[in-house]
């Protein structure tokens, strides 16, 4: 792991296209600004891990496990914009 020291408003470049800037430092929290091309996904680690986990779970679903009348939208989708019909 490369460890770098930066102060507020200083930047780190990753390759030619990804720029990481220290935007703010407050106590033990650091705010980073990230500029990257749209084809480069940028996620917090916990979000990235959740996406990987959900993709693994989704890849285990077999077509025969999906009810024939299931609609796109996943869990809780009513197909009526969330209205309870009242």
C-alpha atoms as a PDB file:
ATOM      1  CA  UNK A   1       0.000   0.000   0.000  1.00  0.00           C
ATOM      2  CA  UNK A   2       1.305   3.414  -0.946  1.00  0.00           C
ATOM      3  CA  UNK A   3       0.785   5.924   1.880  1.00  0.00           C
ATOM      4  CA  UNK A   4       0.848   9.620   0.981  1.00  0.00           C
ATOM      5  CA  UNK A   5       0.509  12.743   3.096  1.00  0.00           C
ATOM      6  CA  UNK A   6      -1.600  15.577   1.718  1.00  0.00           C
ATOM      7  CA  UNK A   7      -2.947  18.809   3.128  1.00  0.00           C
ATOM      8  CA  UNK A   8      -6.234  20.526   2.386  1.00  0.00           C
ATOM      9  CA  UNK A   9      -6.604  21.446  -1.306  1.00  0.00           C
ATOM     10  CA  UNK A  10      -3.729  19.176  -2.342  1.00  0.00           C
ATOM     11  CA  UNK A  11      -4.299  16.548  -5.019  1.00  0.00           C
ATOM     12  CA  UNK A  12      -3.202  13.034  -5.903  1.00  0.00           C
ATOM     13  CA  UNK A  13      -3.311  11.769  -9.495  1.00  0.00           C
ATOM     14  CA  UNK A  14      -4.018   8.139 -10.369  1.00  0.00           C
ATOM     15  CA  UNK A  15      -2.992   7.587 -13.952  1.00  0.00           C
ATOM     16  CA  UNK A  16      -3.916  10.441 -16.274  1.00  0.00           C
ATOM     17  CA  UNK A  17      -7.647  10.491 -15.577  1.00  0.00           C
ATOM     18  CA  UNK A  18      -8.356  10.154 -11.847  1.00  0.00           C
ATOM     19  CA  UNK A  19      -7.789  13.099  -9.528  1.00  0.00           C
ATOM     20  CA  UNK A  20      -8.312  12.929  -5.753  1.00  0.00           C
ATOM     21  CA  UNK A  21      -8.330  16.202  -3.824  1.00  0.00           C
ATOM     22  CA  UNK A  22      -8.397  16.689  -0.052  1.00  0.00           C
ATOM     23  CA  UNK A  23     -11.407  18.984   0.287  1.00  0.00           C
ATOM     24  CA  UNK A  24     -11.674  19.258   4.068  1.00  0.00           C
ATOM     25  CA  UNK A  25     -10.156  17.891   7.266  1.00  0.00           C
ATOM     26  CA  UNK A  26     -12.136  17.990  10.515  1.00  0.00           C
ATOM     27  CA  UNK A  27     -10.825  16.033  13.464  1.00  0.00           C
ATOM     28  CA  UNK A  28     -10.451  12.419  12.367  1.00  0.00           C
ATOM     29  CA  UNK A  29     -12.526  12.868   9.181  1.00  0.00           C
ATOM     30  CA  UNK A  30     -11.145  13.697   5.760  1.00  0.00           C
ATOM     31  CA  UNK A  31     -13.404  14.756   2.872  1.00  0.00           C
ATOM     32  CA  UNK A  32     -12.134  13.824  -0.568  1.00  0.00           C
ATOM     33  CA  UNK A  33     -13.210  15.116  -3.947  1.00  0.00           C
ATOM     34  CA  UNK A  34     -12.788  12.634  -6.785  1.00  0.00           C
ATOM     35  CA  UNK A  35     -12.755  13.497 -10.474  1.00  0.00           C
ATOM     36  CA  UNK A  36     -12.842  10.468 -12.758  1.00  0.00           C
ATOM     37  CA  UNK A  37     -14.158   9.608 -16.216  1.00  0.00           C
ATOM     38  CA  UNK A  38     -17.737   8.300 -16.272  1.00  0.00           C
ATOM     39  CA  UNK A  39     -16.535   4.827 -17.279  1.00  0.00           C
ATOM     40  CA  UNK A  40     -14.516   4.516 -14.044  1.00  0.00           C
ATOM     41  CA  UNK A  41     -16.779   3.455 -11.165  1.00  0.00           C
ATOM     42  CA  UNK A  42     -16.054   5.240  -7.885  1.00  0.00           C
ATOM     43  CA  UNK A  43     -17.642   3.885  -4.688  1.00  0.00           C
ATOM     44  CA  UNK A  44     -16.988   3.939  -0.966  1.00  0.00           C
ATOM     45  CA  UNK A  45     -15.624   0.523   0.065  1.00  0.00           C
ATOM     46  CA  UNK A  46     -18.765  -0.462   1.995  1.00  0.00           C
ATOM     47  CA  UNK A  47     -20.950   0.358  -1.031  1.00  0.00           C
ATOM     48  CA  UNK A  48     -18.594  -1.547  -3.344  1.00  0.00           C
ATOM     49  CA  UNK A  49     -18.742  -4.591  -1.043  1.00  0.00           C
ATOM     50  CA  UNK A  50     -22.561  -4.436  -0.944  1.00  0.00           C
ATOM     51  CA  UNK A  51     -22.741  -4.258  -4.755  1.00  0.00           C
ATOM     52  CA  UNK A  52     -20.432  -7.275  -5.070  1.00  0.00           C
ATOM     53  CA  UNK A  53     -22.488  -9.224  -2.501  1.00  0.00           C
ATOM     54  CA  UNK A  54     -25.791  -8.415  -4.245  1.00  0.00           C
ATOM     55  CA  UNK A  55     -24.332  -9.368  -7.633  1.00  0.00           C
ATOM     56  CA  UNK A  56     -23.131 -12.702  -6.236  1.00  0.00           C
ATOM     57  CA  UNK A  57     -26.574 -13.390  -4.741  1.00  0.00           C
ATOM     58  CA  UNK A  58     -28.338 -12.402  -7.964  1.00  0.00           C
ATOM     59  CA  UNK A  59     -26.094 -14.690 -10.000  1.00  0.00           C
ATOM     60  CA  UNK A  60     -27.294 -17.638  -7.911  1.00  0.00           C
ATOM     61  CA  UNK A  61     -30.955 -17.092  -8.816  1.00  0.00           C
ATOM     62  CA  UNK A  62     -32.109 -19.602 -11.395  1.00  0.00           C
ATOM     63  CA  UNK A  63     -34.772 -18.610 -13.953  1.00  0.00           C
ATOM     64  CA  UNK A  64     -37.082 -21.327 -12.598  1.00  0.00           C
ATOM     65  CA  UNK A  65     -36.922 -19.644  -9.141  1.00  0.00           C
ATOM     66  CA  UNK A  66     -38.597 -16.496 -10.514  1.00  0.00           C
ATOM     67  CA  UNK A  67     -42.416 -16.588 -10.472  1.00  0.00           C
ATOM     68  CA  UNK A  68     -43.879 -16.288 -13.993  1.00  0.00           C
ATOM     69  CA  UNK A  69     -45.911 -13.182 -13.024  1.00  0.00           C
ATOM     70  CA  UNK A  70     -42.958 -11.366 -11.379  1.00  0.00           C
ATOM     71  CA  UNK A  71     -42.533  -7.760 -12.497  1.00  0.00           C
ATOM     72  CA  UNK A  72     -39.240  -5.859 -12.767  1.00  0.00           C
ATOM     73  CA  UNK A  73     -38.530  -3.684  -9.759  1.00  0.00           C
ATOM     74  CA  UNK A  74     -37.546  -6.198  -7.131  1.00  0.00           C
ATOM     75  CA  UNK A  75     -38.751  -6.453  -3.553  1.00  0.00           C
ATOM     76  CA  UNK A  76     -41.650  -4.269  -2.528  1.00  0.00           C
ATOM     77  CA  UNK A  77     -42.531  -3.200  -6.050  1.00  0.00           C
ATOM     78  CA  UNK A  78     -46.281  -2.786  -6.386  1.00  0.00           C
ATOM     79  CA  UNK A  79     -46.287  -1.639  -9.968  1.00  0.00           C
ATOM     80  CA  UNK A  80     -48.620   1.195  -8.965  1.00  0.00           C
ATOM     81  CA  UNK A  81     -46.153   3.869  -7.927  1.00  0.00           C
ATOM     82  CA  UNK A  82     -46.261   2.828  -4.275  1.00  0.00           C
ATOM     83  CA  UNK A  83     -49.967   3.534  -3.817  1.00  0.00           C
ATOM     84  CA  UNK A  84     -51.907   1.215  -1.531  1.00  0.00           C
ATOM     85  CA  UNK A  85     -55.010   1.639  -3.674  1.00  0.00           C
ATOM     86  CA  UNK A  86     -56.952   3.583  -1.016  1.00  0.00           C
END
